[in-house]
PDB file of all heavy atoms in Angstrom:
ATOM      1  N   SER A   1       6.213  10.456 -11.606  1.00  0.00           N
ATOM      2  CA  SER A   1       6.728   9.338 -10.800  1.00  0.00           C
ATOM      3  C   SER A   1       8.244   9.416 -10.717  1.00  0.00           C
ATOM      4  O   SER A   1       8.807   9.159  -9.640  1.00  0.00           O
ATOM      5  CB  SER A   1       6.309   8.029 -11.470  1.00  0.00           C
ATOM      6  OG  SER A   1       4.897   7.898 -11.502  1.00  0.00           O
ATOM      7  N   THR A   2       8.899   9.753 -11.824  1.00  0.00           N
ATOM      8  CA  THR A   2      10.365   9.880 -11.830  1.00  0.00           C
ATOM      9  C   THR A   2      10.787  10.950 -10.818  1.00  0.00           C
ATOM     10  O   THR A   2      11.678  10.744 -10.023  1.00  0.00           O
ATOM     11  CB  THR A   2      10.891  10.272 -13.198  1.00  0.00           C
ATOM     12  OG1 THR A   2      10.498   9.252 -14.107  1.00  0.00           O
ATOM     13  CG2 THR A   2      12.371  10.368 -13.203  1.00  0.00           C
ATOM     14  N   ALA A   3      10.077  12.060 -10.825  1.00  0.00           N
ATOM     15  CA  ALA A   3      10.376  13.179  -9.925  1.00  0.00           C
ATOM     16  C   ALA A   3      10.163  12.750  -8.438  1.00  0.00           C
ATOM     17  O   ALA A   3      10.962  13.010  -7.602  1.00  0.00           O
ATOM     18  CB  ALA A   3       9.561  14.402 -10.214  1.00  0.00           C
ATOM     19  N   LEU A   4       9.076  11.991  -8.244  1.00  0.00           N
ATOM     20  CA  LEU A   4       8.726  11.562  -6.893  1.00  0.00           C
ATOM     21  C   LEU A   4       9.823  10.586  -6.370  1.00  0.00           C
ATOM     22  O   LEU A   4      10.302  10.723  -5.260  1.00  0.00           O
ATOM     23  CB  LEU A   4       7.354  10.885  -6.847  1.00  0.00           C
ATOM     24  CG  LEU A   4       6.875  10.369  -5.524  1.00  0.00           C
ATOM     25  CD1 LEU A   4       6.699  11.552  -4.562  1.00  0.00           C
ATOM     26  CD2 LEU A   4       5.580   9.593  -5.693  1.00  0.00           C
ATOM     27  N   PHE A   5      10.180   9.600  -7.171  1.00  0.00           N
ATOM     28  CA  PHE A   5      11.136   8.619  -6.741  1.00  0.00           C
ATOM     29  C   PHE A   5      12.539   9.146  -6.683  1.00  0.00           C
ATOM     30  O   PHE A   5      13.389   8.581  -6.042  1.00  0.00           O
ATOM     31  CB  PHE A   5      11.041   7.374  -7.658  1.00  0.00           C
ATOM     32  CG  PHE A   5       9.781   6.564  -7.451  1.00  0.00           C
ATOM     33  CD1 PHE A   5       8.869   6.500  -8.469  1.00  0.00           C
ATOM     34  CD2 PHE A   5       9.567   5.944  -6.237  1.00  0.00           C
ATOM     35  CE1 PHE A   5       7.669   5.784  -8.239  1.00  0.00           C
ATOM     36  CE2 PHE A   5       8.362   5.249  -6.021  1.00  0.00           C
ATOM     37  CZ  PHE A   5       7.420   5.166  -7.015  1.00  0.00           C
ATOM     38  N   ALA A   6      12.803  10.269  -7.366  1.00  0.00           N
ATOM     39  CA  ALA A   6      14.089  10.918  -7.246  1.00  0.00           C
ATOM     40  C   ALA A   6      14.267  11.643  -5.898  1.00  0.00           C
ATOM     41  O   ALA A   6      15.319  12.174  -5.556  1.00  0.00           O
ATOM     42  CB  ALA A   6      14.299  11.908  -8.361  1.00  0.00           C
ATOM     43  N   GLY A   7      13.154  11.721  -5.111  1.00  0.00           N
ATOM     44  CA  GLY A   7      13.211  12.320  -3.830  1.00  0.00           C
ATOM     45  C   GLY A   7      13.379  13.837  -3.870  1.00  0.00           C
ATOM     46  O   GLY A   7      14.102  14.413  -3.131  1.00  0.00           O
ATOM     47  N   MET A   8      12.674  14.486  -4.757  1.00  0.00           N
ATOM     48  CA  MET A   8      12.827  15.920  -4.927  1.00  0.00           C
ATOM     49  C   MET A   8      12.513  16.617  -3.586  1.00  0.00           C
ATOM     50  O   MET A   8      11.548  16.310  -2.920  1.00  0.00           O
ATOM     51  CB  MET A   8      11.802  16.430  -5.945  1.00  0.00           C
ATOM     52  CG  MET A   8      12.163  16.139  -7.377  1.00  0.00           C
ATOM     53  SD  MET A   8      10.954  16.771  -8.482  1.00  0.00           S
ATOM     54  CE  MET A   8      11.121  18.543  -8.131  1.00  0.00           C
ATOM     55  N   ALA A   9      13.333  17.580  -3.283  1.00  0.00           N
ATOM     56  CA  ALA A   9      13.164  18.309  -2.061  1.00  0.00           C
ATOM     57  C   ALA A   9      11.889  19.128  -2.173  1.00  0.00           C
ATOM     58  O   ALA A   9      11.296  19.568  -1.184  1.00  0.00           O
ATOM     59  CB  ALA A   9      14.350  19.255  -1.801  1.00  0.00           C
ATOM     60  N   LEU A  10      11.496  19.406  -3.354  1.00  0.00           N
ATOM     61  CA  LEU A  10      10.309  20.273  -3.592  1.00  0.00           C
ATOM     62  C   LEU A  10       8.984  19.496  -3.682  1.00  0.00           C
ATOM     63  O   LEU A  10       7.981  20.069  -3.899  1.00  0.00           O
ATOM     64  CB  LEU A  10      10.441  21.023  -4.917  1.00  0.00           C
ATOM     65  CG  LEU A  10      11.701  21.866  -5.004  1.00  0.00           C
ATOM     66  CD1 LEU A  10      11.859  22.420  -6.386  1.00  0.00           C
ATOM     67  CD2 LEU A  10      11.568  22.993  -4.021  1.00  0.00           C
ATOM     68  N   SER A  11       9.033  18.180  -3.535  1.00  0.00           N
ATOM     69  CA  SER A  11       7.898  17.289  -3.588  1.00  0.00           C
ATOM     70  C   SER A  11       7.494  16.985  -4.987  1.00  0.00           C
ATOM     71  O   SER A  11       6.540  16.237  -5.201  1.00  0.00           O
ATOM     72  CB  SER A  11       6.713  17.836  -2.801  1.00  0.00           C
ATOM     73  OG  SER A  11       7.073  18.060  -1.509  1.00  0.00           O
ATOM     74  N   GLY A  12       8.101  17.625  -6.020  1.00  0.00           N
ATOM     75  CA  GLY A  12       7.864  17.244  -7.377  1.00  0.00           C
ATOM     76  C   GLY A  12       7.047  18.230  -8.187  1.00  0.00           C
ATOM     77  O   GLY A  12       6.104  18.769  -7.677  1.00  0.00           O
ATOM     78  N   VAL A  13       7.434  18.382  -9.415  1.00  0.00           N
ATOM     79  CA  VAL A  13       6.674  19.271 -10.358  1.00  0.00           C
ATOM     80  C   VAL A  13       6.932  18.654 -11.740  1.00  0.00           C
ATOM     81  O   VAL A  13       7.953  18.058 -11.969  1.00  0.00           O
ATOM     82  CB  VAL A  13       7.302  20.690 -10.358  1.00  0.00           C
ATOM     83  CG1 VAL A  13       6.332  21.658 -11.005  1.00  0.00           C
ATOM     84  CG2 VAL A  13       7.580  21.145  -8.927  1.00  0.00           C
ATOM     85  N   CYS A  14       6.041  18.821 -12.666  1.00  0.00           N
ATOM     86  CA  CYS A  14       6.349  18.320 -14.004  1.00  0.00           C
ATOM     87  C   CYS A  14       5.758  19.192 -15.071  1.00  0.00           C
ATOM     88  O   CYS A  14       4.929  20.044 -14.812  1.00  0.00           O
ATOM     89  CB  CYS A  14       5.927  16.893 -14.159  1.00  0.00           C
ATOM     90  SG  CYS A  14       4.177  16.593 -14.137  1.00  0.00           S
ATOM     91  N   LEU A  15       6.277  18.972 -16.274  1.00  0.00           N
ATOM     92  CA  LEU A  15       5.887  19.749 -17.416  1.00  0.00           C
ATOM     93  C   LEU A  15       4.763  19.050 -18.229  1.00  0.00           C
ATOM     94  O   LEU A  15       4.659  17.801 -18.162  1.00  0.00           O
ATOM     95  CB  LEU A  15       7.079  19.913 -18.424  1.00  0.00           C
ATOM     96  CG  LEU A  15       8.173  20.842 -17.964  1.00  0.00           C
ATOM     97  CD1 LEU A  15       9.316  20.705 -18.953  1.00  0.00           C
ATOM     98  CD2 LEU A  15       7.663  22.214 -17.908  1.00  0.00           C
ATOM     99  N   ALA A  16       4.069  19.809 -19.032  1.00  0.00           N
ATOM    100  CA  ALA A  16       3.187  19.232 -19.970  1.00  0.00           C
ATOM    101  C   ALA A  16       4.035  18.559 -21.062  1.00  0.00           C
ATOM    102  O   ALA A  16       5.043  19.134 -21.472  1.00  0.00           O
ATOM    103  CB  ALA A  16       2.292  20.316 -20.587  1.00  0.00           C
ATOM    104  N   ALA A  17       3.630  17.371 -21.480  1.00  0.00           N
ATOM    105  CA  ALA A  17       4.377  16.704 -22.542  1.00  0.00           C
ATOM    106  C   ALA A  17       3.523  16.745 -23.824  1.00  0.00           C
ATOM    107  O   ALA A  17       2.329  16.513 -23.836  1.00  0.00           O
ATOM    108  CB  ALA A  17       4.600  15.223 -22.085  1.00  0.00           C
ATOM    109  N   THR A  18       4.218  17.028 -24.948  1.00  0.00           N
ATOM    110  CA  THR A  18       3.511  17.093 -26.190  1.00  0.00           C
ATOM    111  C   THR A  18       4.447  16.538 -27.283  1.00  0.00           C
ATOM    112  O   THR A  18       5.650  16.757 -27.246  1.00  0.00           O
ATOM    113  CB  THR A  18       3.138  18.518 -26.552  1.00  0.00           C
ATOM    114  OG1 THR A  18       4.342  19.344 -26.604  1.00  0.00           O
ATOM    115  CG2 THR A  18       2.152  19.120 -25.600  1.00  0.00           C
ATOM    116  N   GLY A  19       3.862  15.871 -28.230  1.00  0.00           N
ATOM    117  CA  GLY A  19       4.605  15.392 -29.380  1.00  0.00           C
ATOM    118  C   GLY A  19       5.803  14.546 -29.040  1.00  0.00           C
ATOM    119  O   GLY A  19       6.750  14.482 -29.771  1.00  0.00           O
ATOM    120  N   GLY A  20       5.709  13.775 -27.914  1.00  0.00           N
ATOM    121  CA  GLY A  20       6.804  12.926 -27.517  1.00  0.00           C
ATOM    122  C   GLY A  20       8.001  13.642 -26.876  1.00  0.00           C
ATOM    123  O   GLY A  20       8.970  12.996 -26.531  1.00  0.00           O
ATOM    124  N   GLU A  21       7.978  14.919 -26.757  1.00  0.00           N
ATOM    125  CA  GLU A  21       9.025  15.687 -26.123  1.00  0.00           C
ATOM    126  C   GLU A  21       8.463  16.485 -24.950  1.00  0.00           C
ATOM    127  O   GLU A  21       7.349  16.879 -24.968  1.00  0.00           O
ATOM    128  CB  GLU A  21       9.715  16.583 -27.124  1.00  0.00           C
ATOM    129  CG  GLU A  21      10.365  15.877 -28.270  1.00  0.00           C
ATOM    130  CD  GLU A  21      10.951  16.875 -29.237  1.00  0.00           C
ATOM    131  OE1 GLU A  21      10.698  18.074 -29.115  1.00  0.00           O
ATOM    132  OE2 GLU A  21      11.694  16.441 -30.101  1.00  0.00           O
ATOM    133  N   VAL A  22       9.332  16.754 -23.976  1.00  0.00           N
ATOM    134  CA  VAL A  22       8.949  17.623 -22.854  1.00  0.00           C
ATOM    135  C   VAL A  22       9.352  19.042 -23.264  1.00  0.00           C
ATOM    136  O   VAL A  22      10.451  19.290 -23.611  1.00  0.00           O
ATOM    137  CB  VAL A  22       9.668  17.192 -21.527  1.00  0.00           C
ATOM    138  CG1 VAL A  22       9.327  18.135 -20.448  1.00  0.00           C
ATOM    139  CG2 VAL A  22       9.310  15.754 -21.190  1.00  0.00           C
ATOM    140  N   GLU A  23       8.365  19.908 -23.209  1.00  0.00           N
ATOM    141  CA  GLU A  23       8.621  21.325 -23.636  1.00  0.00           C
ATOM    142  C   GLU A  23       8.100  22.232 -22.490  1.00  0.00           C
ATOM    143  O   GLU A  23       7.190  21.921 -21.793  1.00  0.00           O
ATOM    144  CB  GLU A  23       7.783  21.620 -24.844  1.00  0.00           C
ATOM    145  CG  GLU A  23       8.108  20.719 -26.053  1.00  0.00           C
ATOM    146  CD  GLU A  23       7.168  20.995 -27.223  1.00  0.00           C
ATOM    147  OE1 GLU A  23       6.189  21.684 -27.047  1.00  0.00           O
ATOM    148  OE2 GLU A  23       7.515  20.558 -28.299  1.00  0.00           O
ATOM    149  N   PRO A  24       8.770  23.452 -22.441  1.00  0.00           N
ATOM    150  CA  PRO A  24       8.195  24.416 -21.462  1.00  0.00           C
ATOM    151  C   PRO A  24       6.867  24.934 -21.945  1.00  0.00           C
ATOM    152  O   PRO A  24       6.581  24.957 -23.110  1.00  0.00           O
ATOM    153  CB  PRO A  24       9.267  25.566 -21.514  1.00  0.00           C
ATOM    154  CG  PRO A  24      10.003  25.375 -22.767  1.00  0.00           C
ATOM    155  CD  PRO A  24       9.943  23.921 -23.101  1.00  0.00           C
ATOM    156  N   THR A  25       5.998  25.268 -20.973  1.00  0.00           N
ATOM    157  CA  THR A  25       4.671  25.814 -21.261  1.00  0.00           C
ATOM    158  C   THR A  25       4.821  27.136 -21.878  1.00  0.00           C
ATOM    159  O   THR A  25       5.676  27.946 -21.486  1.00  0.00           O
ATOM    160  CB  THR A  25       3.883  25.861 -19.988  1.00  0.00           C
ATOM    161  OG1 THR A  25       3.894  24.588 -19.333  1.00  0.00           O
ATOM    162  CG2 THR A  25       2.466  26.274 -20.198  1.00  0.00           C
ATOM    163  N   GLU A  26       3.964  27.425 -22.860  1.00  0.00           N
ATOM    164  CA  GLU A  26       3.938  28.806 -23.366  1.00  0.00           C
ATOM    165  C   GLU A  26       3.570  29.756 -22.212  1.00  0.00           C
ATOM    166  O   GLU A  26       2.599  29.533 -21.514  1.00  0.00           O
ATOM    167  CB  GLU A  26       2.875  28.962 -24.461  1.00  0.00           C
ATOM    168  CG  GLU A  26       3.251  28.206 -25.748  1.00  0.00           C
ATOM    169  CD  GLU A  26       4.518  28.763 -26.374  1.00  0.00           C
ATOM    170  OE1 GLU A  26       4.632  30.042 -26.400  1.00  0.00           O
ATOM    171  OE2 GLU A  26       5.352  28.048 -26.865  1.00  0.00           O
TER     172      GLU A  26
END
């Protein structure tokens, strides 16, 4: 939602969230 409302030119992408932190996918 944050990415969407920020008006991303790319239409939005997001990471998997784990343990309360956003981390890159293995």
